[in-house]
Amino acid sequence: TDIAPHTRANARRLRAEMTPQELKLWTQLRDLNHHLGLNIRRQAPIGRYIADFVEFGRKLVIEVDGGQHGGPEDTARDAWFAAEGF
């Protein structure tokens, strides 16, 4: 794949260190996976970014951004996801 090794390692770390908000949402999304047959993944690398949650089949990205987010980096990330069809 075109995922850099450091991005993949960072995604693994983020999965192990989910925020309480991400963990709460993941519990609900995991239930949707089971009941609706979805395949939502958490802290998934996509290109140079790591999406908090993604469903590749539907090209859906869910970002859980708190107070530390919302700057130019997030705007660039969101634009990149949109350009890739997410």
PDB file of N, CA and C in Angstrom:
ATOM      1  N   THR A   1       0.838  -1.188   0.000  1.00  0.00           N
ATOM      2  CA  THR A   1       0.000   0.000   0.000  1.00  0.00           C
ATOM      3  C   THR A   1       0.879   1.247   0.000  1.00  0.00           C
ATOM      4  N   ASP A   2       0.229   2.390  -0.122  1.00  0.00           N
ATOM      5  CA  ASP A   2       0.983   3.643  -0.133  1.00  0.00           C
ATOM      6  C   ASP A   2       1.013   4.297   1.245  1.00  0.00           C
ATOM      7  N   ILE A   3       0.783   3.518   2.294  1.00  0.00           N
ATOM      8  CA  ILE A   3       0.812   4.039   3.654  1.00  0.00           C
ATOM      9  C   ILE A   3       2.243   3.954   4.183  1.00  0.00           C
ATOM     10  N   ALA A   4       2.772   5.090   4.619  1.00  0.00           N
ATOM     11  CA  ALA A   4       4.135   5.124   5.153  1.00  0.00           C
ATOM     12  C   ALA A   4       4.204   4.325   6.458  1.00  0.00           C
ATOM     13  N   PRO A   5       5.317   3.639   6.697  1.00  0.00           N
ATOM     14  CA  PRO A   5       5.446   2.845   7.925  1.00  0.00           C
ATOM     15  C   PRO A   5       5.214   3.653   9.198  1.00  0.00           C
ATOM     16  N   HIS A   6       5.684   4.909   9.243  1.00  0.00           N
ATOM     17  CA  HIS A   6       5.480   5.708  10.450  1.00  0.00           C
ATOM     18  C   HIS A   6       4.003   6.070  10.643  1.00  0.00           C
ATOM     19  N   THR A   7       3.259   6.242   9.549  1.00  0.00           N
ATOM     20  CA  THR A   7       1.829   6.515   9.649  1.00  0.00           C
ATOM     21  C   THR A   7       1.095   5.287  10.181  1.00  0.00           C
ATOM     22  N   ARG A   8       1.473   4.121   9.677  1.00  0.00           N
ATOM     23  CA  ARG A   8       0.861   2.871  10.134  1.00  0.00           C
ATOM     24  C   ARG A   8       1.145   2.655  11.631  1.00  0.00           C
ATOM     25  N   ALA A   9       2.373   2.914  12.053  1.00  0.00           N
ATOM     26  CA  ALA A   9       2.735   2.756  13.465  1.00  0.00           C
ATOM     27  C   ALA A   9       1.976   3.766  14.329  1.00  0.00           C
ATOM     28  N   ASN A  10       1.825   4.977  13.839  1.00  0.00           N
ATOM     29  CA  ASN A  10       1.079   5.992  14.582  1.00  0.00           C
ATOM     30  C   ASN A  10      -0.390   5.588  14.727  1.00  0.00           C
ATOM     31  N   ALA A  11      -0.965   5.003  13.684  1.00  0.00           N
ATOM     32  CA  ALA A  11      -2.355   4.537  13.756  1.00  0.00           C
ATOM     33  C   ALA A  11      -2.504   3.453  14.822  1.00  0.00           C
ATOM     34  N   ARG A  12      -1.550   2.539  14.899  1.00  0.00           N
ATOM     35  CA  ARG A  12      -1.587   1.495  15.933  1.00  0.00           C
ATOM     36  C   ARG A  12      -1.551   2.124  17.328  1.00  0.00           C
ATOM     37  N   ARG A  13      -0.693   3.124  17.494  1.00  0.00           N
ATOM     38  CA  ARG A  13      -0.581   3.797  18.782  1.00  0.00           C
ATOM     39  C   ARG A  13      -1.887   4.498  19.138  1.00  0.00           C
ATOM     40  N   LEU A  14      -2.494   5.170  18.165  1.00  0.00           N
ATOM     41  CA  LEU A  14      -3.750   5.876  18.412  1.00  0.00           C
ATOM     42  C   LEU A  14      -4.885   4.912  18.758  1.00  0.00           C
ATOM     43  N   ARG A  15      -4.889   3.725  18.142  1.00  0.00           N
ATOM     44  CA  ARG A  15      -5.903   2.729  18.497  1.00  0.00           C
ATOM     45  C   ARG A  15      -5.750   2.300  19.950  1.00  0.00           C
ATOM     46  N   ALA A  16      -4.515   2.204  20.410  1.00  0.00           N
ATOM     47  CA  ALA A  16      -4.256   1.784  21.793  1.00  0.00           C
ATOM     48  C   ALA A  16      -4.531   2.898  22.796  1.00  0.00           C
ATOM     49  N   GLU A  17      -4.516   4.163  22.336  1.00  0.00           N
ATOM     50  CA  GLU A  17      -4.664   5.315  23.231  1.00  0.00           C
ATOM     51  C   GLU A  17      -5.858   6.180  22.850  1.00  0.00           C
ATOM     52  N   MET A  18      -6.990   5.559  22.581  1.00  0.00           N
ATOM     53  CA  MET A  18      -8.175   6.317  22.179  1.00  0.00           C
ATOM     54  C   MET A  18      -8.641   7.232  23.309  1.00  0.00           C
ATOM     55  N   THR A  19      -9.155   8.401  22.939  1.00  0.00           N
ATOM     56  CA  THR A  19      -9.701   9.323  23.924  1.00  0.00           C
ATOM     57  C   THR A  19     -11.019   8.741  24.460  1.00  0.00           C
ATOM     58  N   PRO A  20     -11.470   9.216  25.622  1.00  0.00           N
ATOM     59  CA  PRO A  20     -12.761   8.728  26.139  1.00  0.00           C
ATOM     60  C   PRO A  20     -13.913   8.960  25.155  1.00  0.00           C
ATOM     61  N   GLN A  21     -13.888  10.074  24.448  1.00  0.00           N
ATOM     62  CA  GLN A  21     -14.939  10.375  23.477  1.00  0.00           C
ATOM     63  C   GLN A  21     -14.887   9.385  22.308  1.00  0.00           C
ATOM     64  N   GLU A  22     -13.673   9.114  21.812  1.00  0.00           N
ATOM     65  CA  GLU A  22     -13.525   8.154  20.722  1.00  0.00           C
ATOM     66  C   GLU A  22     -13.957   6.763  21.162  1.00  0.00           C
ATOM     67  N   LEU A  23     -13.590   6.383  22.371  1.00  0.00           N
ATOM     68  CA  LEU A  23     -13.947   5.069  22.888  1.00  0.00           C
ATOM     69  C   LEU A  23     -15.457   4.912  23.009  1.00  0.00           C
ATOM     70  N   LYS A  24     -16.119   5.951  23.482  1.00  0.00           N
ATOM     71  CA  LYS A  24     -17.577   5.910  23.613  1.00  0.00           C
ATOM     72  C   LYS A  24     -18.233   5.759  22.239  1.00  0.00           C
ATOM     73  N   LEU A  25     -17.768   6.540  21.273  1.00  0.00           N
ATOM     74  CA  LEU A  25     -18.319   6.429  19.921  1.00  0.00           C
ATOM     75  C   LEU A  25     -17.989   5.073  19.307  1.00  0.00           C
ATOM     76  N   TRP A  26     -16.779   4.574  19.513  1.00  0.00           N
ATOM     77  CA  TRP A  26     -16.382   3.286  18.957  1.00  0.00           C
ATOM     78  C   TRP A  26     -17.284   2.162  19.465  1.00  0.00           C
ATOM     79  N   THR A  27     -17.677   2.234  20.734  1.00  0.00           N
ATOM     80  CA  THR A  27     -18.577   1.224  21.288  1.00  0.00           C
ATOM     81  C   THR A  27     -19.882   1.182  20.490  1.00  0.00           C
ATOM     82  N   GLN A  28     -20.407   2.338  20.157  1.00  0.00           N
ATOM     83  CA  GLN A  28     -21.647   2.409  19.370  1.00  0.00           C
ATOM     84  C   GLN A  28     -21.423   1.965  17.924  1.00  0.00           C
ATOM     85  N   LEU A  29     -20.330   2.403  17.324  1.00  0.00           N
ATOM     86  CA  LEU A  29     -20.047   2.036  15.935  1.00  0.00           C
ATOM     87  C   LEU A  29     -19.790   0.544  15.794  1.00  0.00           C
ATOM     88  N   ARG A  30     -19.139  -0.041  16.779  1.00  0.00           N
ATOM     89  CA  ARG A  30     -18.873  -1.488  16.755  1.00  0.00           C
ATOM     90  C   ARG A  30     -20.196  -2.258  16.773  1.00  0.00           C
ATOM     91  N   ASP A  31     -21.172  -1.771  17.545  1.00  0.00           N
ATOM     92  CA  ASP A  31     -22.492  -2.399  17.546  1.00  0.00           C
ATOM     93  C   ASP A  31     -23.152  -2.289  16.173  1.00  0.00           C
ATOM     94  N   LEU A  32     -23.005  -1.126  15.526  1.00  0.00           N
ATOM     95  CA  LEU A  32     -23.543  -0.975  14.167  1.00  0.00           C
ATOM     96  C   LEU A  32     -22.876  -1.946  13.205  1.00  0.00           C
ATOM     97  N   ASN A  33     -21.576  -2.123  13.351  1.00  0.00           N
ATOM     98  CA  ASN A  33     -20.876  -3.102  12.520  1.00  0.00           C
ATOM     99  C   ASN A  33     -21.562  -4.459  12.636  1.00  0.00           C
ATOM    100  N   HIS A  34     -21.829  -4.864  13.853  1.00  0.00           N
ATOM    101  CA  HIS A  34     -22.409  -6.182  14.116  1.00  0.00           C
ATOM    102  C   HIS A  34     -23.846  -6.283  13.605  1.00  0.00           C
ATOM    103  N   HIS A  35     -24.670  -5.283  13.907  1.00  0.00           N
ATOM    104  CA  HIS A  35     -26.101  -5.363  13.594  1.00  0.00           C
ATOM    105  C   HIS A  35     -26.429  -5.038  12.138  1.00  0.00           C
ATOM    106  N   LEU A  36     -25.658  -4.183  11.516  1.00  0.00           N
ATOM    107  CA  LEU A  36     -25.964  -3.753  10.146  1.00  0.00           C
ATOM    108  C   LEU A  36     -25.000  -4.308   9.111  1.00  0.00           C
ATOM    109  N   GLY A  37     -24.036  -5.071   9.548  1.00  0.00           N
ATOM    110  CA  GLY A  37     -23.079  -5.642   8.601  1.00  0.00           C
ATOM    111  C   GLY A  37     -22.125  -4.614   8.012  1.00  0.00           C
ATOM    112  N   LEU A  38     -21.844  -3.557   8.764  1.00  0.00           N
ATOM    113  CA  LEU A  38     -20.894  -2.548   8.297  1.00  0.00           C
ATOM    114  C   LEU A  38     -19.475  -3.011   8.599  1.00  0.00           C
ATOM    115  N   ASN A  39     -18.517  -2.287   8.087  1.00  0.00           N
ATOM    116  CA  ASN A  39     -17.118  -2.578   8.360  1.00  0.00           C
ATOM    117  C   ASN A  39     -16.394  -1.287   8.719  1.00  0.00           C
ATOM    118  N   ILE A  40     -16.849  -0.657   9.787  1.00  0.00           N
ATOM    119  CA  ILE A  40     -16.232   0.589  10.246  1.00  0.00           C
ATOM    120  C   ILE A  40     -14.947   0.229  10.974  1.00  0.00           C
ATOM    121  N   ARG A  41     -13.875   0.914  10.602  1.00  0.00           N
ATOM    122  CA  ARG A  41     -12.575   0.707  11.239  1.00  0.00           C
ATOM    123  C   ARG A  41     -12.211   1.941  12.029  1.00  0.00           C
ATOM    124  N   ARG A  42     -11.408   1.751  13.064  1.00  0.00           N
ATOM    125  CA  ARG A  42     -10.991   2.884  13.900  1.00  0.00           C
ATOM    126  C   ARG A  42      -9.530   3.208  13.660  1.00  0.00           C
ATOM    127  N   GLN A  43      -9.202   4.491  13.738  1.00  0.00           N
ATOM    128  CA  GLN A  43      -7.831   4.979  13.569  1.00  0.00           C
ATOM    129  C   GLN A  43      -7.173   4.315  12.350  1.00  0.00           C
ATOM    130  N   ALA A  44      -7.804   4.510  11.209  1.00  0.00           N
ATOM    131  CA  ALA A  44      -7.356   3.862   9.975  1.00  0.00           C
ATOM    132  C   ALA A  44      -6.516   4.824   9.134  1.00  0.00           C
ATOM    133  N   PRO A  45      -5.312   4.397   8.733  1.00  0.00           N
ATOM    134  CA  PRO A  45      -4.509   5.248   7.859  1.00  0.00           C
ATOM    135  C   PRO A  45      -5.102   5.312   6.451  1.00  0.00           C
ATOM    136  N   ILE A  46      -5.191   6.530   5.938  1.00  0.00           N
ATOM    137  CA  ILE A  46      -5.648   6.772   4.563  1.00  0.00           C
ATOM    138  C   ILE A  46      -4.690   7.799   3.989  1.00  0.00           C
ATOM    139  N   GLY A  47      -3.883   7.389   3.037  1.00  0.00           N
ATOM    140  CA  GLY A  47      -2.871   8.304   2.516  1.00  0.00           C
ATOM    141  C   GLY A  47      -1.936   8.704   3.638  1.00  0.00           C
ATOM    142  N   ARG A  48      -1.716  10.004   3.802  1.00  0.00           N
ATOM    143  CA  ARG A  48      -0.824  10.473   4.871  1.00  0.00           C
ATOM    144  C   ARG A  48      -1.574  10.792   6.162  1.00  0.00           C
ATOM    145  N   TYR A  49      -2.893  10.599   6.139  1.00  0.00           N
ATOM    146  CA  TYR A  49      -3.729  10.919   7.289  1.00  0.00           C
ATOM    147  C   TYR A  49      -4.191   9.660   8.007  1.00  0.00           C
ATOM    148  N   ILE A  50      -4.699   9.865   9.227  1.00  0.00           N
ATOM    149  CA  ILE A  50      -5.298   8.773   9.991  1.00  0.00           C
ATOM    150  C   ILE A  50      -6.707   9.229  10.342  1.00  0.00           C
ATOM    151  N   ALA A  51      -7.700   8.533   9.780  1.00  0.00           N
ATOM    152  CA  ALA A  51      -9.097   8.854  10.063  1.00  0.00           C
ATOM    153  C   ALA A  51      -9.485   8.235  11.397  1.00  0.00           C
ATOM    154  N   ASP A  52     -10.214   8.980  12.211  1.00  0.00           N
ATOM    155  CA  ASP A  52     -10.672   8.422  13.484  1.00  0.00           C
ATOM    156  C   ASP A  52     -11.493   7.163  13.238  1.00  0.00           C
ATOM    157  N   PHE A  53     -12.462   7.257  12.334  1.00  0.00           N
ATOM    158  CA  PHE A  53     -13.291   6.110  11.963  1.00  0.00           C
ATOM    159  C   PHE A  53     -13.550   6.194  10.464  1.00  0.00           C
ATOM    160  N   VAL A  54     -13.577   5.042   9.797  1.00  0.00           N
ATOM    161  CA  VAL A  54     -13.823   5.022   8.357  1.00  0.00           C
ATOM    162  C   VAL A  54     -14.577   3.759   7.974  1.00  0.00           C
ATOM    163  N   GLU A  55     -15.469   3.914   7.010  1.00  0.00           N
ATOM    164  CA  GLU A  55     -16.153   2.791   6.382  1.00  0.00           C
ATOM    165  C   GLU A  55     -15.789   2.904   4.905  1.00  0.00           C
ATOM    166  N   PHE A  56     -14.824   2.092   4.468  1.00  0.00           N
ATOM    167  CA  PHE A  56     -14.271   2.226   3.124  1.00  0.00           C
ATOM    168  C   PHE A  56     -15.296   1.935   2.036  1.00  0.00           C
ATOM    169  N   GLY A  57     -16.181   0.979   2.259  1.00  0.00           N
ATOM    170  CA  GLY A  57     -17.170   0.621   1.235  1.00  0.00           C
ATOM    171  C   GLY A  57     -18.094   1.776   0.885  1.00  0.00           C
ATOM    172  N   ARG A  58     -18.426   2.567   1.868  1.00  0.00           N
ATOM    173  CA  ARG A  58     -19.307   3.719   1.670  1.00  0.00           C
ATOM    174  C   ARG A  58     -18.532   5.027   1.563  1.00  0.00           C
ATOM    175  N   LYS A  59     -17.213   4.939   1.694  1.00  0.00           N
ATOM    176  CA  LYS A  59     -16.325   6.104   1.637  1.00  0.00           C
ATOM    177  C   LYS A  59     -16.759   7.164   2.651  1.00  0.00           C
ATOM    178  N   LEU A  60     -17.012   6.697   3.890  1.00  0.00           N
ATOM    179  CA  LEU A  60     -17.452   7.557   4.971  1.00  0.00           C
ATOM    180  C   LEU A  60     -16.335   7.694   5.993  1.00  0.00           C
ATOM    181  N   VAL A  61     -15.980   8.933   6.308  1.00  0.00           N
ATOM    182  CA  VAL A  61     -14.991   9.225   7.347  1.00  0.00           C
ATOM    183  C   VAL A  61     -15.693   9.986   8.464  1.00  0.00           C
ATOM    184  N   ILE A  62     -15.437   9.564   9.702  1.00  0.00           N
ATOM    185  CA  ILE A  62     -15.968  10.256  10.872  1.00  0.00           C
ATOM    186  C   ILE A  62     -14.772  10.724  11.691  1.00  0.00           C
ATOM    187  N   GLU A  63     -14.679  12.028  11.894  1.00  0.00           N
ATOM    188  CA  GLU A  63     -13.608  12.608  12.691  1.00  0.00           C
ATOM    189  C   GLU A  63     -14.186  13.123  13.995  1.00  0.00           C
ATOM    190  N   VAL A  64     -13.544  12.775  15.098  1.00  0.00           N
ATOM    191  CA  VAL A  64     -13.952  13.246  16.423  1.00  0.00           C
ATOM    192  C   VAL A  64     -12.945  14.323  16.820  1.00  0.00           C
ATOM    193  N   ASP A  65     -13.264  15.561  16.483  1.00  0.00           N
ATOM    194  CA  ASP A  65     -12.350  16.663  16.731  1.00  0.00           C
ATOM    195  C   ASP A  65     -12.783  17.439  17.959  1.00  0.00           C
ATOM    196  N   GLY A  66     -11.871  17.570  18.896  1.00  0.00           N
ATOM    197  CA  GLY A  66     -12.144  18.333  20.110  1.00  0.00           C
ATOM    198  C   GLY A  66     -11.639  19.754  19.976  1.00  0.00           C
ATOM    199  N   GLY A  67     -11.437  20.398  21.102  1.00  0.00           N
ATOM    200  CA  GLY A  67     -11.024  21.791  21.134  1.00  0.00           C
ATOM    201  C   GLY A  67      -9.654  22.047  20.531  1.00  0.00           C
ATOM    202  N   GLN A  68      -8.806  21.028  20.471  1.00  0.00           N
ATOM    203  CA  GLN A  68      -7.462  21.215  19.930  1.00  0.00           C
ATOM    204  C   GLN A  68      -7.451  21.164  18.402  1.00  0.00           C
ATOM    205  N   HIS A  69      -8.594  20.916  17.799  1.00  0.00           N
ATOM    206  CA  HIS A  69      -8.665  20.788  16.346  1.00  0.00           C
ATOM    207  C   HIS A  69      -9.338  22.006  15.729  1.00  0.00           C
ATOM    208  N   GLY A  70      -9.385  22.006  14.399  1.00  0.00           N
ATOM    209  CA  GLY A  70     -10.104  23.050  13.691  1.00  0.00           C
ATOM    210  C   GLY A  70      -9.213  24.031  12.966  1.00  0.00           C
ATOM    211  N   GLY A  71      -7.912  23.828  13.003  1.00  0.00           N
ATOM    212  CA  GLY A  71      -6.991  24.743  12.346  1.00  0.00           C
ATOM    213  C   GLY A  71      -6.778  24.403  10.883  1.00  0.00           C
ATOM    214  N   PRO A  72      -5.765  25.013  10.282  1.00  0.00           N
ATOM    215  CA  PRO A  72      -5.493  24.804   8.863  1.00  0.00           C
ATOM    216  C   PRO A  72      -5.159  23.346   8.514  1.00  0.00           C
ATOM    217  N   GLU A  73      -4.549  22.625   9.460  1.00  0.00           N
ATOM    218  CA  GLU A  73      -4.219  21.221   9.188  1.00  0.00           C
ATOM    219  C   GLU A  73      -5.492  20.401   9.017  1.00  0.00           C
ATOM    220  N   ASP A  74      -6.490  20.656   9.859  1.00  0.00           N
ATOM    221  CA  ASP A  74      -7.757  19.937   9.750  1.00  0.00           C
ATOM    222  C   ASP A  74      -8.499  20.312   8.469  1.00  0.00           C
ATOM    223  N   THR A  75      -8.419  21.572   8.091  1.00  0.00           N
ATOM    224  CA  THR A  75      -9.051  22.007   6.847  1.00  0.00           C
ATOM    225  C   THR A  75      -8.407  21.310   5.659  1.00  0.00           C
ATOM    226  N   ALA A  76      -7.080  21.207   5.664  1.00  0.00           N
ATOM    227  CA  ALA A  76      -6.369  20.522   4.577  1.00  0.00           C
ATOM    228  C   ALA A  76      -6.722  19.036   4.556  1.00  0.00           C
ATOM    229  N   ARG A  77      -6.793  18.418   5.739  1.00  0.00           N
ATOM    230  CA  ARG A  77      -7.163  17.000   5.839  1.00  0.00           C
ATOM    231  C   ARG A  77      -8.558  16.778   5.275  1.00  0.00           C
ATOM    232  N   ASP A  78      -9.509  17.610   5.692  1.00  0.00           N
ATOM    233  CA  ASP A  78     -10.885  17.453   5.228  1.00  0.00           C
ATOM    234  C   ASP A  78     -10.984  17.633   3.714  1.00  0.00           C
ATOM    235  N   ALA A  79     -10.239  18.599   3.179  1.00  0.00           N
ATOM    236  CA  ALA A  79     -10.235  18.820   1.729  1.00  0.00           C
ATOM    237  C   ALA A  79      -9.639  17.623   1.007  1.00  0.00           C
ATOM    238  N   TRP A  80      -8.584  17.034   1.571  1.00  0.00           N
ATOM    239  CA  TRP A  80      -7.955  15.866   0.939  1.00  0.00           C
ATOM    240  C   TRP A  80      -8.922  14.691   0.932  1.00  0.00           C
ATOM    241  N   PHE A  81      -9.582  14.440   2.083  1.00  0.00           N
ATOM    242  CA  PHE A  81     -10.574  13.358   2.127  1.00  0.00           C
ATOM    243  C   PHE A  81     -11.667  13.587   1.081  1.00  0.00           C
ATOM    244  N   ALA A  82     -12.160  14.803   0.970  1.00  0.00           N
ATOM    245  CA  ALA A  82     -13.202  15.115  -0.013  1.00  0.00           C
ATOM    246  C   ALA A  82     -12.709  14.890  -1.433  1.00  0.00           C
ATOM    247  N   ALA A  83     -11.493  15.304  -1.725  1.00  0.00           N
ATOM    248  CA  ALA A  83     -10.933  15.106  -3.064  1.00  0.00           C
ATOM    249  C   ALA A  83     -10.777  13.630  -3.400  1.00  0.00           C
ATOM    250  N   GLU A  84     -10.590  12.800  -2.361  1.00  0.00           N
ATOM    251  CA  GLU A  84     -10.476  11.347  -2.562  1.00  0.00           C
ATOM    252  C   GLU A  84     -11.832  10.650  -2.595  1.00  0.00           C
ATOM    253  N   GLY A  85     -12.901  11.428  -2.464  1.00  0.00           N
ATOM    254  CA  GLY A  85     -14.250  10.869  -2.561  1.00  0.00           C
ATOM    255  C   GLY A  85     -14.888  10.492  -1.248  1.00  0.00           C
ATOM    256  N   PHE A  86     -14.260  10.852  -0.134  1.00  0.00           N
ATOM    257  CA  PHE A  86     -14.837  10.546   1.180  1.00  0.00           C
ATOM    258  C   PHE A  86     -15.791  11.643   1.591  1.00  0.00           C
TER     259      PHE A  86
END
